[in-house]
Amino acid sequence: MDPVDLHLRINHFPIILSIVGAAAAVLAMITRRRAVWLYATATLALAGLTVYPALWTGHRAEDAVEDTWYITRRAIHEHEERGELAMYVMLATGALAAYAWWRAIRVPTRDETTPAWLRAAVLLGGLASAGTLVLASYEGGLIVHHAEGLMVAPAGTTRDAPLPPPVPRP
């Protein structure tokens, strides 16, 4: 599997986990249910664990596509900057959520054991993580889907020219 494919497969984990975790944190704040709170904190902690591999594979994918005719350095740079910000926000949120989860499971009771400031911090971190990851993924989509190089066909090509055969994968 080449670096681009690997990045495209891995990068969805932190995005989906952060969105679901943030939604669960909102629901936990509304319903005050312990099970929902445990789910929210565990999901956000898992998102924190998956964000660095997504960034790491993104750096490998950048090396693989930086000389492609239809991808601009500016598009890659914008995606990379937003991805790094999202990683830092998600790592902080993941650590905070892991602490909140650990604190909540220490005492197996239905009584509220998590302080309000920690619940609010996890909720705000989850929302910030989801927002920054969505922005980073949007910029990533622009790399190819709105690539400036794809707006003009390369010299010597016509609209009716047949597509080249697909490259076989090992």
C-alpha atoms as a PDB file:
ATOM      1  CA  MET A   1       0.000   0.000   0.000  1.00  0.00           C
ATOM      2  CA  ASP A   2       1.472   3.334  -0.992  1.00  0.00           C
ATOM      3  CA  PRO A   3       1.685   6.293   1.446  1.00  0.00           C
ATOM      4  CA  VAL A   4      -1.225   8.165  -0.141  1.00  0.00           C
ATOM      5  CA  ASP A   5      -3.585   5.195   0.182  1.00  0.00           C
ATOM      6  CA  LEU A   6      -2.472   4.596   3.753  1.00  0.00           C
ATOM      7  CA  HIS A   7      -3.079   8.231   4.693  1.00  0.00           C
ATOM      8  CA  LEU A   8      -6.501   8.219   3.047  1.00  0.00           C
ATOM      9  CA  ARG A   9      -7.465   5.111   5.008  1.00  0.00           C
ATOM     10  CA  ILE A  10      -6.102   6.198   8.402  1.00  0.00           C
ATOM     11  CA  ASN A  11      -7.087   9.870   8.461  1.00  0.00           C
ATOM     12  CA  HIS A  12     -10.795   9.135   8.849  1.00  0.00           C
ATOM     13  CA  PHE A  13     -10.392   7.595  12.313  1.00  0.00           C
ATOM     14  CA  PRO A  14      -9.570  10.773  14.273  1.00  0.00           C
ATOM     15  CA  ILE A  15     -12.126  12.791  12.307  1.00  0.00           C
ATOM     16  CA  ILE A  16     -15.029  10.414  12.897  1.00  0.00           C
ATOM     17  CA  LEU A  17     -14.034   9.632  16.480  1.00  0.00           C
ATOM     18  CA  SER A  18     -13.762  13.317  17.382  1.00  0.00           C
ATOM     19  CA  ILE A  19     -17.134  14.178  15.840  1.00  0.00           C
ATOM     20  CA  VAL A  20     -18.856  11.231  17.532  1.00  0.00           C
ATOM     21  CA  GLY A  21     -17.031  11.916  20.815  1.00  0.00           C
ATOM     22  CA  ALA A  22     -17.978  15.607  20.777  1.00  0.00           C
ATOM     23  CA  ALA A  23     -21.608  14.718  20.019  1.00  0.00           C
ATOM     24  CA  ALA A  24     -21.589  12.184  22.861  1.00  0.00           C
ATOM     25  CA  ALA A  25     -20.091  14.792  25.218  1.00  0.00           C
ATOM     26  CA  VAL A  26     -22.894  17.205  24.333  1.00  0.00           C
ATOM     27  CA  LEU A  27     -25.431  14.445  24.927  1.00  0.00           C
ATOM     28  CA  ALA A  28     -23.761  13.548  28.222  1.00  0.00           C
ATOM     29  CA  MET A  29     -23.987  17.151  29.389  1.00  0.00           C
ATOM     30  CA  ILE A  30     -27.685  17.255  28.502  1.00  0.00           C
ATOM     31  CA  THR A  31     -28.743  13.859  29.853  1.00  0.00           C
ATOM     32  CA  ARG A  32     -26.221  13.590  32.719  1.00  0.00           C
ATOM     33  CA  ARG A  33     -25.958   9.842  32.075  1.00  0.00           C
ATOM     34  CA  ARG A  34     -22.763   8.189  33.261  1.00  0.00           C
ATOM     35  CA  ALA A  35     -22.654   5.655  30.402  1.00  0.00           C
ATOM     36  CA  VAL A  36     -22.821   8.409  27.795  1.00  0.00           C
ATOM     37  CA  TRP A  37     -20.073  10.319  29.600  1.00  0.00           C
ATOM     38  CA  LEU A  38     -17.852   7.215  29.691  1.00  0.00           C
ATOM     39  CA  TYR A  39     -18.475   6.659  25.981  1.00  0.00           C
ATOM     40  CA  ALA A  40     -17.661  10.288  25.152  1.00  0.00           C
ATOM     41  CA  THR A  41     -14.405  10.305  27.097  1.00  0.00           C
ATOM     42  CA  ALA A  42     -13.284   6.915  25.751  1.00  0.00           C
ATOM     43  CA  THR A  43     -14.078   7.954  22.176  1.00  0.00           C
ATOM     44  CA  LEU A  44     -12.202  11.258  22.487  1.00  0.00           C
ATOM     45  CA  ALA A  45      -9.243   9.469  24.083  1.00  0.00           C
ATOM     46  CA  LEU A  46      -9.159   7.014  21.151  1.00  0.00           C
ATOM     47  CA  ALA A  47      -9.322   9.935  18.732  1.00  0.00           C
ATOM     48  CA  GLY A  48      -6.269  11.382  20.477  1.00  0.00           C
ATOM     49  CA  LEU A  49      -4.434   8.095  19.962  1.00  0.00           C
ATOM     50  CA  THR A  50      -5.216   7.981  16.242  1.00  0.00           C
ATOM     51  CA  VAL A  51      -4.380  11.575  15.324  1.00  0.00           C
ATOM     52  CA  TYR A  52      -0.591  11.251  15.241  1.00  0.00           C
ATOM     53  CA  PRO A  53      -0.568   8.252  12.862  1.00  0.00           C
ATOM     54  CA  ALA A  54      -2.802  10.267  10.515  1.00  0.00           C
ATOM     55  CA  LEU A  55      -0.319  13.164  10.563  1.00  0.00           C
ATOM     56  CA  TRP A  56       2.656  10.841  10.153  1.00  0.00           C
ATOM     57  CA  THR A  57       1.153   9.126   7.115  1.00  0.00           C
ATOM     58  CA  GLY A  58       0.261  12.570   5.767  1.00  0.00           C
ATOM     59  CA  HIS A  59       3.922  13.553   5.776  1.00  0.00           C
ATOM     60  CA  ARG A  60       4.747  10.341   3.873  1.00  0.00           C
ATOM     61  CA  ALA A  61       1.927  11.048   1.406  1.00  0.00           C
ATOM     62  CA  GLU A  62       3.240  14.586   0.886  1.00  0.00           C
ATOM     63  CA  ASP A  63       6.605  13.173  -0.170  1.00  0.00           C
ATOM     64  CA  ALA A  64       4.845  10.872  -2.631  1.00  0.00           C
ATOM     65  CA  VAL A  65       2.719  13.551  -4.366  1.00  0.00           C
ATOM     66  CA  GLU A  66       4.782  16.732  -4.125  1.00  0.00           C
ATOM     67  CA  ASP A  67       6.009  16.403  -7.717  1.00  0.00           C
ATOM     68  CA  THR A  68       2.611  15.556  -9.203  1.00  0.00           C
ATOM     69  CA  TRP A  69       1.666  18.023 -11.955  1.00  0.00           C
ATOM     70  CA  TYR A  70      -1.850  18.698 -10.704  1.00  0.00           C
ATOM     71  CA  ILE A  71      -1.084  19.300  -7.010  1.00  0.00           C
ATOM     72  CA  THR A  72       0.229  22.644  -5.810  1.00  0.00           C
ATOM     73  CA  ARG A  73       2.592  23.125  -2.887  1.00  0.00           C
ATOM     74  CA  ARG A  74       0.221  25.774  -1.514  1.00  0.00           C
ATOM     75  CA  ALA A  75      -2.646  23.283  -1.227  1.00  0.00           C
ATOM     76  CA  ILE A  76      -0.442  20.766   0.552  1.00  0.00           C
ATOM     77  CA  HIS A  77       0.941  23.449   2.865  1.00  0.00           C
ATOM     78  CA  GLU A  78      -2.550  24.672   3.873  1.00  0.00           C
ATOM     79  CA  HIS A  79      -3.666  21.132   4.639  1.00  0.00           C
ATOM     80  CA  GLU A  80      -0.494  20.393   6.571  1.00  0.00           C
ATOM     81  CA  GLU A  81      -0.797  23.554   8.704  1.00  0.00           C
ATOM     82  CA  ARG A  82      -4.393  22.827   9.619  1.00  0.00           C
ATOM     83  CA  GLY A  83      -3.540  19.181  10.241  1.00  0.00           C
ATOM     84  CA  GLU A  84      -0.782  20.087  12.676  1.00  0.00           C
ATOM     85  CA  LEU A  85      -3.066  22.475  14.580  1.00  0.00           C
ATOM     86  CA  ALA A  86      -5.752  19.787  14.693  1.00  0.00           C
ATOM     87  CA  MET A  87      -3.203  17.286  15.992  1.00  0.00           C
ATOM     88  CA  TYR A  88      -2.158  19.512  18.894  1.00  0.00           C
ATOM     89  CA  VAL A  89      -5.761  20.290  19.821  1.00  0.00           C
ATOM     90  CA  MET A  90      -6.741  16.615  19.550  1.00  0.00           C
ATOM     91  CA  LEU A  91      -3.744  15.406  21.564  1.00  0.00           C
ATOM     92  CA  ALA A  92      -4.618  17.807  24.387  1.00  0.00           C
ATOM     93  CA  THR A  93      -8.268  16.832  24.233  1.00  0.00           C
ATOM     94  CA  GLY A  94      -7.401  13.143  24.120  1.00  0.00           C
ATOM     95  CA  ALA A  95      -5.188  13.423  27.190  1.00  0.00           C
ATOM     96  CA  LEU A  96      -7.855  15.380  29.048  1.00  0.00           C
ATOM     97  CA  ALA A  97     -10.539  12.888  28.026  1.00  0.00           C
ATOM     98  CA  ALA A  98      -8.359   9.944  29.091  1.00  0.00           C
ATOM     99  CA  TYR A  99      -7.900  11.576  32.498  1.00  0.00           C
ATOM    100  CA  ALA A 100     -11.661  12.211  32.782  1.00  0.00           C
ATOM    101  CA  TRP A 101     -12.389   8.624  31.762  1.00  0.00           C
ATOM    102  CA  TRP A 102      -9.902   7.247  34.296  1.00  0.00           C
ATOM    103  CA  ARG A 103     -11.358   9.463  36.990  1.00  0.00           C
ATOM    104  CA  ALA A 104     -14.897   8.355  36.153  1.00  0.00           C
ATOM    105  CA  ILE A 105     -14.144   4.615  36.223  1.00  0.00           C
ATOM    106  CA  ARG A 106     -12.166   4.794  39.463  1.00  0.00           C
ATOM    107  CA  VAL A 107     -15.356   4.845  41.479  1.00  0.00           C
ATOM    108  CA  PRO A 108     -18.007   2.569  39.966  1.00  0.00           C
ATOM    109  CA  THR A 109     -21.046   4.468  41.149  1.00  0.00           C
ATOM    110  CA  ARG A 110     -23.943   6.353  39.681  1.00  0.00           C
ATOM    111  CA  ASP A 111     -23.061   9.446  41.716  1.00  0.00           C
ATOM    112  CA  GLU A 112     -21.473  12.314  39.832  1.00  0.00           C
ATOM    113  CA  THR A 113     -17.712  12.019  40.431  1.00  0.00           C
ATOM    114  CA  THR A 114     -16.433  14.192  37.600  1.00  0.00           C
ATOM    115  CA  PRO A 115     -16.143  17.888  38.448  1.00  0.00           C
ATOM    116  CA  ALA A 116     -18.067  20.341  36.296  1.00  0.00           C
ATOM    117  CA  TRP A 117     -14.875  22.089  35.137  1.00  0.00           C
ATOM    118  CA  LEU A 118     -13.506  18.794  33.775  1.00  0.00           C
ATOM    119  CA  ARG A 119     -16.759  17.963  32.003  1.00  0.00           C
ATOM    120  CA  ALA A 120     -16.824  21.437  30.448  1.00  0.00           C
ATOM    121  CA  ALA A 121     -13.160  21.217  29.425  1.00  0.00           C
ATOM    122  CA  VAL A 122     -13.692  17.839  27.723  1.00  0.00           C
ATOM    123  CA  LEU A 123     -16.791  19.154  25.959  1.00  0.00           C
ATOM    124  CA  LEU A 124     -15.017  22.291  24.708  1.00  0.00           C
ATOM    125  CA  GLY A 125     -11.950  20.271  23.722  1.00  0.00           C
ATOM    126  CA  GLY A 126     -14.115  17.792  21.840  1.00  0.00           C
ATOM    127  CA  LEU A 127     -15.875  20.559  19.942  1.00  0.00           C
ATOM    128  CA  ALA A 128     -12.561  22.298  19.180  1.00  0.00           C
ATOM    129  CA  SER A 129     -11.007  19.006  18.058  1.00  0.00           C
ATOM    130  CA  ALA A 130     -13.909  18.151  15.797  1.00  0.00           C
ATOM    131  CA  GLY A 131     -13.851  21.644  14.310  1.00  0.00           C
ATOM    132  CA  THR A 132     -10.124  21.723  13.612  1.00  0.00           C
ATOM    133  CA  LEU A 133     -10.149  18.200  12.183  1.00  0.00           C
ATOM    134  CA  VAL A 134     -13.071  19.016   9.899  1.00  0.00           C
ATOM    135  CA  LEU A 135     -11.208  22.094   8.624  1.00  0.00           C
ATOM    136  CA  ALA A 136      -8.053  20.047   8.056  1.00  0.00           C
ATOM    137  CA  SER A 137     -10.006  17.393   6.184  1.00  0.00           C
ATOM    138  CA  TYR A 138     -11.720  20.046   4.072  1.00  0.00           C
ATOM    139  CA  GLU A 139      -8.306  21.437   3.078  1.00  0.00           C
ATOM    140  CA  GLY A 140      -7.159  17.906   2.305  1.00  0.00           C
ATOM    141  CA  GLY A 141     -10.089  17.419  -0.020  1.00  0.00           C
ATOM    142  CA  LEU A 142      -9.145  20.595  -1.853  1.00  0.00           C
ATOM    143  CA  ILE A 143      -5.713  19.190  -2.686  1.00  0.00           C
ATOM    144  CA  VAL A 144      -7.113  17.045  -5.483  1.00  0.00           C
ATOM    145  CA  HIS A 145     -10.778  17.906  -5.916  1.00  0.00           C
ATOM    146  CA  HIS A 146     -10.088  21.583  -6.589  1.00  0.00           C
ATOM    147  CA  ALA A 147      -6.497  21.317  -7.737  1.00  0.00           C
ATOM    148  CA  GLU A 148      -5.545  24.285  -9.891  1.00  0.00           C
ATOM    149  CA  GLY A 149      -3.562  21.982 -12.146  1.00  0.00           C
ATOM    150  CA  LEU A 150      -6.678  19.976 -12.981  1.00  0.00           C
ATOM    151  CA  MET A 151      -8.496  23.062 -14.239  1.00  0.00           C
ATOM    152  CA  VAL A 152      -6.274  23.121 -17.344  1.00  0.00           C
ATOM    153  CA  ALA A 153      -5.324  19.949 -19.180  1.00  0.00           C
ATOM    154  CA  PRO A 154      -1.632  19.323 -19.687  1.00  0.00           C
ATOM    155  CA  ALA A 155      -0.169  20.097 -23.092  1.00  0.00           C
ATOM    156  CA  GLY A 156      -0.885  17.478 -25.694  1.00  0.00           C
ATOM    157  CA  THR A 157      -4.085  16.119 -24.142  1.00  0.00           C
ATOM    158  CA  THR A 158      -7.599  16.416 -25.473  1.00  0.00           C
ATOM    159  CA  ARG A 159     -10.963  15.980 -23.860  1.00  0.00           C
ATOM    160  CA  ASP A 160     -11.682  12.879 -25.959  1.00  0.00           C
ATOM    161  CA  ALA A 161      -8.334  11.210 -25.309  1.00  0.00           C
ATOM    162  CA  PRO A 162      -8.697   7.802 -23.656  1.00  0.00           C
ATOM    163  CA  LEU A 163      -7.664   7.461 -20.058  1.00  0.00           C
ATOM    164  CA  PRO A 164      -4.372   5.715 -19.403  1.00  0.00           C
ATOM    165  CA  PRO A 165      -4.681   2.141 -18.137  1.00  0.00           C
ATOM    166  CA  PRO A 166      -4.827   1.803 -14.349  1.00  0.00           C
ATOM    167  CA  VAL A 167      -1.610   1.075 -12.564  1.00  0.00           C
ATOM    168  CA  PRO A 168      -1.705  -2.486 -11.216  1.00  0.00           C
ATOM    169  CA  ARG A 169      -1.465  -2.757  -7.469  1.00  0.00           C
ATOM    170  CA  PRO A 170       0.607  -5.468  -5.857  1.00  0.00           C
END
